[in-house]
Amino acid sequence: MRRLNITALVVGLALVGGLTASAQKWPAEEWQVAIIGTTDQNHLDNAEVELDGSTSTFVAGGHDIWDNADQFAFLYKEVSGDFDVSVIVEEIELSNAWAKAGIMARQTLEPGSINVLAAARANNDMVTFQRRDTPDGGSASERLVPDGLGFDVTFPTAIRLIKNGDIFTGDWGSDGTDWSGDPVTKDGVTPTPPIDLALSDPYYLGIAVTSHAEGAMTTAVVEILNDTPMAVDATGKLATTWGAIRSSR
């Protein structure tokens, strides 16, 4: 795993119970880019992440985020508690149908860490909702947008990931304002169940991109949506949301 420093950015913090949300400038060392996996394979060592305003552009390799170990580029910060985070995946270069970009929460930066991922697939036909619930164990997935059922998934695609205690729910939409439902609402389709996964504080939260292609890179553009304070529960926990990035690689 290799880390690249990010200079600075602004995030928003919100407290429940009617308190006023405020913007906080996190120190540079709290936002990083990690190259997860064996860096001499699948062009991982050539990964780049550029930040321009609220938009992150990834040039990333990696075999996959799947099975017993992951290979991908990760723009992340270390956090604690619950969150409600949304991004818009503007585009993913079709290095492979299973190239993907989305929001990830994971316990460690080791390739086999437990994790949850809500991500768009490069060929536009689904939004995957997946997890690894045992260190170095296998991965499993559901579909926030099932393939082959007539869903209109095109780029840009908005993705949302929510953590409330040990329960993760995902959602998708076209603009980051109108979401699909529970999280999928369509006649004849059972709503995607939440994922139950215990992440100990602190853990890592960010944007993950993999090319899913041997010897090839993918380019993905992901916009972090403007900060909207959201109360996660009624216990007074801190809710983590993202504001505008003000940084350069």
C-alpha atoms as a PDB file:
ATOM      1  CA  MET A   1       0.000   0.000   0.000  1.00  0.00           C
ATOM      2  CA  ARG A   2       1.371   3.413  -1.012  1.00  0.00           C
ATOM      3  CA  ARG A   3       0.177   6.811   0.206  1.00  0.00           C
ATOM      4  CA  LEU A   4       0.238  10.145  -1.601  1.00  0.00           C
ATOM      5  CA  ASN A   5      -0.271  13.328   0.360  1.00  0.00           C
ATOM      6  CA  ILE A   6      -3.137  15.734  -0.375  1.00  0.00           C
ATOM      7  CA  THR A   7      -2.503  19.356   0.557  1.00  0.00           C
ATOM      8  CA  ALA A   8      -5.800  20.510   2.087  1.00  0.00           C
ATOM      9  CA  LEU A   9      -9.540  20.464   1.715  1.00  0.00           C
ATOM     10  CA  VAL A  10     -12.693  21.622   3.408  1.00  0.00           C
ATOM     11  CA  VAL A  11     -15.273  19.267   4.851  1.00  0.00           C
ATOM     12  CA  GLY A  12     -18.528  20.007   6.617  1.00  0.00           C
ATOM     13  CA  LEU A  13     -19.510  18.688  10.016  1.00  0.00           C
ATOM     14  CA  ALA A  14     -23.065  18.522  11.304  1.00  0.00           C
ATOM     15  CA  LEU A  15     -24.410  17.772  14.753  1.00  0.00           C
ATOM     16  CA  VAL A  16     -27.901  16.506  15.383  1.00  0.00           C
ATOM     17  CA  GLY A  17     -30.270  18.176  17.800  1.00  0.00           C
ATOM     18  CA  GLY A  18     -30.615  21.488  15.966  1.00  0.00           C
ATOM     19  CA  LEU A  19     -27.021  22.621  16.342  1.00  0.00           C
ATOM     20  CA  THR A  20     -25.580  24.746  13.558  1.00  0.00           C
ATOM     21  CA  ALA A  21     -23.345  22.996  11.071  1.00  0.00           C
ATOM     22  CA  SER A  22     -19.960  24.527  10.410  1.00  0.00           C
ATOM     23  CA  ALA A  23     -17.195  24.025   7.880  1.00  0.00           C
ATOM     24  CA  GLN A  24     -13.857  22.787   9.130  1.00  0.00           C
ATOM     25  CA  LYS A  25     -10.575  22.803   7.259  1.00  0.00           C
ATOM     26  CA  TRP A  26      -9.005  19.459   7.864  1.00  0.00           C
ATOM     27  CA  PRO A  27      -5.209  19.287   8.013  1.00  0.00           C
ATOM     28  CA  ALA A  28      -3.549  17.919   4.899  1.00  0.00           C
ATOM     29  CA  GLU A  29      -2.443  14.740   6.611  1.00  0.00           C
ATOM     30  CA  GLU A  30      -6.054  13.757   7.308  1.00  0.00           C
ATOM     31  CA  TRP A  31      -6.784  13.316   3.582  1.00  0.00           C
ATOM     32  CA  GLN A  32      -4.655  10.856   1.678  1.00  0.00           C
ATOM     33  CA  VAL A  33      -4.526   8.777  -1.460  1.00  0.00           C
ATOM     34  CA  ALA A  34      -3.721   5.132  -0.782  1.00  0.00           C
ATOM     35  CA  ILE A  35      -2.801   2.602  -3.432  1.00  0.00           C
ATOM     36  CA  ILE A  36      -4.270  -0.601  -2.031  1.00  0.00           C
ATOM     37  CA  GLY A  37      -2.752  -3.912  -3.100  1.00  0.00           C
ATOM     38  CA  THR A  38       0.533  -5.114  -4.546  1.00  0.00           C
ATOM     39  CA  THR A  39       1.849  -2.008  -6.286  1.00  0.00           C
ATOM     40  CA  ASP A  40       4.034  -3.785  -8.845  1.00  0.00           C
ATOM     41  CA  GLN A  41       0.986  -5.433 -10.414  1.00  0.00           C
ATOM     42  CA  ASN A  42      -1.732  -4.096 -12.718  1.00  0.00           C
ATOM     43  CA  HIS A  43      -0.220  -0.599 -13.033  1.00  0.00           C
ATOM     44  CA  LEU A  44      -1.066   0.306  -9.441  1.00  0.00           C
ATOM     45  CA  ASP A  45       2.215   2.213  -9.104  1.00  0.00           C
ATOM     46  CA  ASN A  46       1.144   4.567 -11.903  1.00  0.00           C
ATOM     47  CA  ALA A  47      -2.061   5.687 -10.196  1.00  0.00           C
ATOM     48  CA  GLU A  48      -2.833   9.404 -10.001  1.00  0.00           C
ATOM     49  CA  VAL A  49      -5.549  11.425  -8.298  1.00  0.00           C
ATOM     50  CA  GLU A  50      -6.116  15.091  -9.102  1.00  0.00           C
ATOM     51  CA  LEU A  51      -8.462  17.337  -7.129  1.00  0.00           C
ATOM     52  CA  ASP A  52     -10.057  20.378  -8.763  1.00  0.00           C
ATOM     53  CA  GLY A  53     -12.737  22.107  -6.741  1.00  0.00           C
ATOM     54  CA  SER A  54     -15.176  19.397  -5.715  1.00  0.00           C
ATOM     55  CA  THR A  55     -14.157  17.029  -8.521  1.00  0.00           C
ATOM     56  CA  SER A  56     -11.653  14.193  -8.226  1.00  0.00           C
ATOM     57  CA  THR A  57     -10.115  12.620 -11.333  1.00  0.00           C
ATOM     58  CA  PHE A  58      -8.584   9.175 -10.919  1.00  0.00           C
ATOM     59  CA  VAL A  59      -6.226   7.365 -13.256  1.00  0.00           C
ATOM     60  CA  ALA A  60      -6.162   3.971 -11.597  1.00  0.00           C
ATOM     61  CA  GLY A  61      -5.332   0.321 -12.170  1.00  0.00           C
ATOM     62  CA  GLY A  62      -6.055  -2.714 -10.063  1.00  0.00           C
ATOM     63  CA  HIS A  63      -7.328  -6.234 -10.587  1.00  0.00           C
ATOM     64  CA  ASP A  64     -10.583  -5.657  -8.684  1.00  0.00           C
ATOM     65  CA  ILE A  65     -12.304  -4.826  -5.418  1.00  0.00           C
ATOM     66  CA  TRP A  66     -13.525  -8.352  -4.787  1.00  0.00           C
ATOM     67  CA  ASP A  67     -12.669 -11.864  -3.625  1.00  0.00           C
ATOM     68  CA  ASN A  68     -10.166 -12.066  -0.738  1.00  0.00           C
ATOM     69  CA  ALA A  69      -8.030  -8.997  -1.489  1.00  0.00           C
ATOM     70  CA  ASP A  70      -8.465  -5.651  -3.237  1.00  0.00           C
ATOM     71  CA  GLN A  71      -6.438  -3.611  -5.738  1.00  0.00           C
ATOM     72  CA  PHE A  72      -7.530  -0.013  -6.279  1.00  0.00           C
ATOM     73  CA  ALA A  73      -6.834   3.682  -5.702  1.00  0.00           C
ATOM     74  CA  PHE A  74      -8.467   5.211  -2.620  1.00  0.00           C
ATOM     75  CA  LEU A  75      -9.027   8.890  -1.761  1.00  0.00           C
ATOM     76  CA  TYR A  76      -9.856   8.701   1.927  1.00  0.00           C
ATOM     77  CA  LYS A  77      -9.885  10.158   5.388  1.00  0.00           C
ATOM     78  CA  GLU A  78      -9.922   8.554   8.811  1.00  0.00           C
ATOM     79  CA  VAL A  79     -13.296   9.009  10.519  1.00  0.00           C
ATOM     80  CA  SER A  80     -15.403   7.793  13.432  1.00  0.00           C
ATOM     81  CA  GLY A  81     -19.122   7.406  13.951  1.00  0.00           C
ATOM     82  CA  ASP A  82     -21.964   7.499  11.441  1.00  0.00           C
ATOM     83  CA  PHE A  83     -22.189   9.230   8.077  1.00  0.00           C
ATOM     84  CA  ASP A  84     -24.394  10.011   5.087  1.00  0.00           C
ATOM     85  CA  VAL A  85     -22.242  10.667   2.005  1.00  0.00           C
ATOM     86  CA  SER A  86     -23.193  11.271  -1.639  1.00  0.00           C
ATOM     87  CA  VAL A  87     -21.110  11.550  -4.801  1.00  0.00           C
ATOM     88  CA  ILE A  88     -21.774  11.804  -8.514  1.00  0.00           C
ATOM     89  CA  VAL A  89     -19.783   9.458 -10.742  1.00  0.00           C
ATOM     90  CA  GLU A  90     -19.432  11.579 -13.865  1.00  0.00           C
ATOM     91  CA  GLU A  91     -17.705   8.940 -15.967  1.00  0.00           C
ATOM     92  CA  ILE A  92     -15.644   5.742 -15.890  1.00  0.00           C
ATOM     93  CA  GLU A  93     -13.478   4.716 -18.813  1.00  0.00           C
ATOM     94  CA  LEU A  94     -14.445   1.245 -20.035  1.00  0.00           C
ATOM     95  CA  SER A  95     -11.217  -0.621 -19.296  1.00  0.00           C
ATOM     96  CA  ASN A  96     -13.464  -3.533 -18.351  1.00  0.00           C
ATOM     97  CA  ALA A  97     -17.199  -3.929 -17.769  1.00  0.00           C
ATOM     98  CA  TRP A  98     -16.433  -4.369 -14.055  1.00  0.00           C
ATOM     99  CA  ALA A  99     -14.259  -1.277 -13.686  1.00  0.00           C
ATOM    100  CA  LYS A 100     -15.966   0.665 -10.935  1.00  0.00           C
ATOM    101  CA  ALA A 101     -15.959   3.857  -8.887  1.00  0.00           C
ATOM    102  CA  GLY A 102     -17.865   4.674  -5.734  1.00  0.00           C
ATOM    103  CA  ILE A 103     -17.978   5.253  -1.989  1.00  0.00           C
ATOM    104  CA  MET A 104     -16.156   2.881   0.344  1.00  0.00           C
ATOM    105  CA  ALA A 105     -15.829   2.432   4.101  1.00  0.00           C
ATOM    106  CA  ARG A 106     -13.161  -0.025   5.276  1.00  0.00           C
ATOM    107  CA  GLN A 107     -11.535  -0.957   8.564  1.00  0.00           C
ATOM    108  CA  THR A 108      -7.892  -0.879   7.444  1.00  0.00           C
ATOM    109  CA  LEU A 109      -5.803  -0.092   4.375  1.00  0.00           C
ATOM    110  CA  GLU A 110      -4.744  -3.715   4.007  1.00  0.00           C
ATOM    111  CA  PRO A 111      -5.927  -5.452   0.798  1.00  0.00           C
ATOM    112  CA  GLY A 112      -8.042  -7.983   2.711  1.00  0.00           C
ATOM    113  CA  SER A 113      -9.793  -5.521   5.029  1.00  0.00           C
ATOM    114  CA  ILE A 114     -13.497  -5.788   5.757  1.00  0.00           C
ATOM    115  CA  ASN A 115     -15.360  -3.130   3.797  1.00  0.00           C
ATOM    116  CA  VAL A 116     -18.590  -1.853   2.279  1.00  0.00           C
ATOM    117  CA  LEU A 117     -18.712  -0.366  -1.241  1.00  0.00           C
ATOM    118  CA  ALA A 118     -21.485   1.304  -3.238  1.00  0.00           C
ATOM    119  CA  ALA A 119     -20.171   1.806  -6.780  1.00  0.00           C
ATOM    120  CA  ALA A 120     -21.155   2.381 -10.393  1.00  0.00           C
ATOM    121  CA  ARG A 121     -19.983  -0.120 -12.993  1.00  0.00           C
ATOM    122  CA  ALA A 122     -18.230   1.139 -16.119  1.00  0.00           C
ATOM    123  CA  ASN A 123     -20.647  -0.347 -18.645  1.00  0.00           C
ATOM    124  CA  ASN A 124     -23.542   1.629 -17.125  1.00  0.00           C
ATOM    125  CA  ASP A 125     -25.813  -1.323 -16.402  1.00  0.00           C
ATOM    126  CA  MET A 126     -25.788  -1.480 -12.612  1.00  0.00           C
ATOM    127  CA  VAL A 127     -24.822   0.042  -9.277  1.00  0.00           C
ATOM    128  CA  THR A 128     -23.263  -2.594  -7.048  1.00  0.00           C
ATOM    129  CA  PHE A 129     -23.561  -2.772  -3.247  1.00  0.00           C
ATOM    130  CA  GLN A 130     -20.934  -5.123  -1.857  1.00  0.00           C
ATOM    131  CA  ARG A 131     -19.055  -6.120   1.257  1.00  0.00           C
ATOM    132  CA  ARG A 132     -16.344  -8.273   2.762  1.00  0.00           C
ATOM    133  CA  ASP A 133     -17.338  -9.142   6.312  1.00  0.00           C
ATOM    134  CA  THR A 134     -14.321 -11.255   7.322  1.00  0.00           C
ATOM    135  CA  PRO A 135     -10.676 -10.129   7.044  1.00  0.00           C
ATOM    136  CA  ASP A 136      -9.087 -11.840   4.021  1.00  0.00           C
ATOM    137  CA  GLY A 137     -12.404 -13.575   3.374  1.00  0.00           C
ATOM    138  CA  GLY A 138     -14.549 -13.628   0.270  1.00  0.00           C
ATOM    139  CA  SER A 139     -16.745 -10.797  -0.991  1.00  0.00           C
ATOM    140  CA  ALA A 140     -20.474 -10.710  -1.706  1.00  0.00           C
ATOM    141  CA  SER A 141     -22.724  -8.212  -3.461  1.00  0.00           C
ATOM    142  CA  GLU A 142     -26.254  -7.109  -4.147  1.00  0.00           C
ATOM    143  CA  ARG A 143     -27.418  -4.636  -6.773  1.00  0.00           C
ATOM    144  CA  LEU A 144     -28.668  -1.175  -5.923  1.00  0.00           C
ATOM    145  CA  VAL A 145     -29.590  -1.173  -9.603  1.00  0.00           C
ATOM    146  CA  PRO A 146     -30.089  -4.757 -10.840  1.00  0.00           C
ATOM    147  CA  ASP A 147     -28.876  -5.538 -14.329  1.00  0.00           C
ATOM    148  CA  GLY A 148     -31.245  -6.746 -17.026  1.00  0.00           C
ATOM    149  CA  LEU A 149     -34.388  -5.220 -15.500  1.00  0.00           C
ATOM    150  CA  GLY A 150     -34.753  -2.089 -17.583  1.00  0.00           C
ATOM    151  CA  PHE A 151     -33.202   0.428 -15.225  1.00  0.00           C
ATOM    152  CA  ASP A 152     -31.877   3.530 -16.923  1.00  0.00           C
ATOM    153  CA  VAL A 153     -28.386   3.866 -15.443  1.00  0.00           C
ATOM    154  CA  THR A 154     -26.299   6.359 -17.362  1.00  0.00           C
ATOM    155  CA  PHE A 155     -23.468   8.655 -16.435  1.00  0.00           C
ATOM    156  CA  PRO A 156     -23.550  10.829 -14.498  1.00  0.00           C
ATOM    157  CA  THR A 157     -24.873   8.568 -11.744  1.00  0.00           C
ATOM    158  CA  ALA A 158     -25.309   9.690  -8.141  1.00  0.00           C
ATOM    159  CA  ILE A 159     -24.450   7.231  -5.358  1.00  0.00           C
ATOM    160  CA  ARG A 160     -25.191   7.471  -1.659  1.00  0.00           C
ATOM    161  CA  LEU A 161     -23.828   5.438   1.265  1.00  0.00           C
ATOM    162  CA  ILE A 162     -25.214   5.740   4.794  1.00  0.00           C
ATOM    163  CA  LYS A 163     -23.807   4.271   8.013  1.00  0.00           C
ATOM    164  CA  ASN A 164     -26.042   4.109  11.084  1.00  0.00           C
ATOM    165  CA  GLY A 165     -24.386   2.025  13.761  1.00  0.00           C
ATOM    166  CA  ASP A 166     -23.498  -1.294  12.131  1.00  0.00           C
ATOM    167  CA  ILE A 167     -26.123  -0.890   9.393  1.00  0.00           C
ATOM    168  CA  PHE A 168     -25.131   0.359   5.927  1.00  0.00           C
ATOM    169  CA  THR A 169     -27.667   1.336   3.287  1.00  0.00           C
ATOM    170  CA  GLY A 170     -27.011   2.453  -0.259  1.00  0.00           C
ATOM    171  CA  ASP A 171     -28.924   4.471  -2.803  1.00  0.00           C
ATOM    172  CA  TRP A 172     -28.616   5.822  -6.330  1.00  0.00           C
ATOM    173  CA  GLY A 173     -30.095   8.521  -8.540  1.00  0.00           C
ATOM    174  CA  SER A 174     -29.313  10.803 -11.436  1.00  0.00           C
ATOM    175  CA  ASP A 175     -28.531  14.083  -9.673  1.00  0.00           C
ATOM    176  CA  GLY A 176     -27.881  13.508  -5.977  1.00  0.00           C
ATOM    177  CA  THR A 177     -31.238  15.030  -5.028  1.00  0.00           C
ATOM    178  CA  ASP A 178     -33.883  12.566  -6.173  1.00  0.00           C
ATOM    179  CA  TRP A 179     -33.062   9.076  -4.928  1.00  0.00           C
ATOM    180  CA  SER A 180     -34.535   5.811  -6.118  1.00  0.00           C
ATOM    181  CA  GLY A 181     -36.311   4.574  -3.024  1.00  0.00           C
ATOM    182  CA  ASP A 182     -35.670   1.802  -0.514  1.00  0.00           C
ATOM    183  CA  PRO A 183     -33.108   1.941  -2.196  1.00  0.00           C
ATOM    184  CA  VAL A 184     -34.670   0.450  -5.359  1.00  0.00           C
ATOM    185  CA  THR A 185     -38.354   0.947  -6.136  1.00  0.00           C
ATOM    186  CA  LYS A 186     -39.678  -0.888  -9.180  1.00  0.00           C
ATOM    187  CA  ASP A 187     -42.579  -3.261  -9.746  1.00  0.00           C
ATOM    188  CA  GLY A 188     -41.454  -6.837  -9.243  1.00  0.00           C
ATOM    189  CA  VAL A 189     -38.110  -5.921  -7.666  1.00  0.00           C
ATOM    190  CA  THR A 190     -37.361  -6.584  -4.008  1.00  0.00           C
ATOM    191  CA  PRO A 191     -35.622  -3.609  -2.338  1.00  0.00           C
ATOM    192  CA  THR A 192     -31.925  -4.211  -1.743  1.00  0.00           C
ATOM    193  CA  PRO A 193     -31.374  -5.202   1.901  1.00  0.00           C
ATOM    194  CA  PRO A 194     -28.969  -3.237   4.101  1.00  0.00           C
ATOM    195  CA  ILE A 195     -25.538  -4.556   4.998  1.00  0.00           C
ATOM    196  CA  ASP A 196     -24.803  -5.353   8.641  1.00  0.00           C
ATOM    197  CA  LEU A 197     -21.069  -4.860   9.265  1.00  0.00           C
ATOM    198  CA  ALA A 198     -19.279  -3.730  12.424  1.00  0.00           C
ATOM    199  CA  LEU A 199     -16.494  -1.206  11.762  1.00  0.00           C
ATOM    200  CA  SER A 200     -14.546  -0.138  14.830  1.00  0.00           C
ATOM    201  CA  ASP A 201     -13.694   3.549  15.278  1.00  0.00           C
ATOM    202  CA  PRO A 202     -11.668   4.919  13.631  1.00  0.00           C
ATOM    203  CA  TYR A 203     -12.049   3.537  10.124  1.00  0.00           C
ATOM    204  CA  TYR A 204     -11.465   4.797   6.564  1.00  0.00           C
ATOM    205  CA  LEU A 205     -14.048   6.492   4.339  1.00  0.00           C
ATOM    206  CA  GLY A 206     -13.544   7.680   0.781  1.00  0.00           C
ATOM    207  CA  ILE A 207     -13.760   7.166  -2.974  1.00  0.00           C
ATOM    208  CA  ALA A 208     -12.498   3.910  -4.491  1.00  0.00           C
ATOM    209  CA  VAL A 209     -11.630   3.309  -8.171  1.00  0.00           C
ATOM    210  CA  THR A 210     -10.373   0.124  -9.863  1.00  0.00           C
ATOM    211  CA  SER A 211      -9.788  -0.643 -13.554  1.00  0.00           C
ATOM    212  CA  HIS A 212     -10.496  -4.404 -13.226  1.00  0.00           C
ATOM    213  CA  ALA A 213      -8.089  -4.966 -16.123  1.00  0.00           C
ATOM    214  CA  GLU A 214      -4.738  -6.710 -16.280  1.00  0.00           C
ATOM    215  CA  GLY A 215      -2.122  -4.184 -17.407  1.00  0.00           C
ATOM    216  CA  ALA A 216      -4.593  -1.361 -18.061  1.00  0.00           C
ATOM    217  CA  MET A 217      -5.672   1.856 -16.372  1.00  0.00           C
ATOM    218  CA  THR A 218      -9.085   3.469 -16.166  1.00  0.00           C
ATOM    219  CA  THR A 219      -9.968   7.146 -15.810  1.00  0.00           C
ATOM    220  CA  ALA A 220     -12.858   7.999 -13.506  1.00  0.00           C
ATOM    221  CA  VAL A 221     -14.278  11.404 -12.618  1.00  0.00           C
ATOM    222  CA  VAL A 222     -16.158  11.662  -9.322  1.00  0.00           C
ATOM    223  CA  GLU A 223     -17.762  14.791  -7.884  1.00  0.00           C
ATOM    224  CA  ILE A 224     -18.177  15.080  -4.145  1.00  0.00           C
ATOM    225  CA  LEU A 225     -21.543  16.776  -3.652  1.00  0.00           C
ATOM    226  CA  ASN A 226     -21.905  20.046  -1.789  1.00  0.00           C
ATOM    227  CA  ASP A 227     -22.184  19.710   1.959  1.00  0.00           C
ATOM    228  CA  THR A 228     -25.715  19.131   3.235  1.00  0.00           C
ATOM    229  CA  PRO A 229     -25.887  18.598   7.011  1.00  0.00           C
ATOM    230  CA  MET A 230     -27.813  15.433   7.878  1.00  0.00           C
ATOM    231  CA  ALA A 231     -28.730  13.998  11.255  1.00  0.00           C
ATOM    232  CA  VAL A 232     -27.916  10.311  11.333  1.00  0.00           C
ATOM    233  CA  ASP A 233     -29.773   9.383  14.514  1.00  0.00           C
ATOM    234  CA  ALA A 234     -31.241  10.863  17.666  1.00  0.00           C
ATOM    235  CA  THR A 235     -28.372  10.014  19.995  1.00  0.00           C
ATOM    236  CA  GLY A 236     -26.321  13.115  19.288  1.00  0.00           C
ATOM    237  CA  LYS A 237     -23.651  11.376  17.260  1.00  0.00           C
ATOM    238  CA  LEU A 238     -21.522  13.373  14.875  1.00  0.00           C
ATOM    239  CA  ALA A 239     -22.595  13.048  11.259  1.00  0.00           C
ATOM    240  CA  THR A 240     -19.809  13.110   8.695  1.00  0.00           C
ATOM    241  CA  THR A 241     -20.564  14.881   5.423  1.00  0.00           C
ATOM    242  CA  TRP A 242     -18.346  16.176   2.666  1.00  0.00           C
ATOM    243  CA  GLY A 243     -18.114  19.776   1.546  1.00  0.00           C
ATOM    244  CA  ALA A 244     -16.175  21.231  -1.358  1.00  0.00           C
ATOM    245  CA  ILE A 245     -12.625  20.056  -1.878  1.00  0.00           C
ATOM    246  CA  ARG A 246     -10.070  22.842  -2.115  1.00  0.00           C
ATOM    247  CA  SER A 247      -6.923  20.999  -3.033  1.00  0.00           C
ATOM    248  CA  SER A 248      -4.472  19.981  -5.710  1.00  0.00           C
ATOM    249  CA  ARG A 249      -2.426  16.850  -6.057  1.00  0.00           C
END
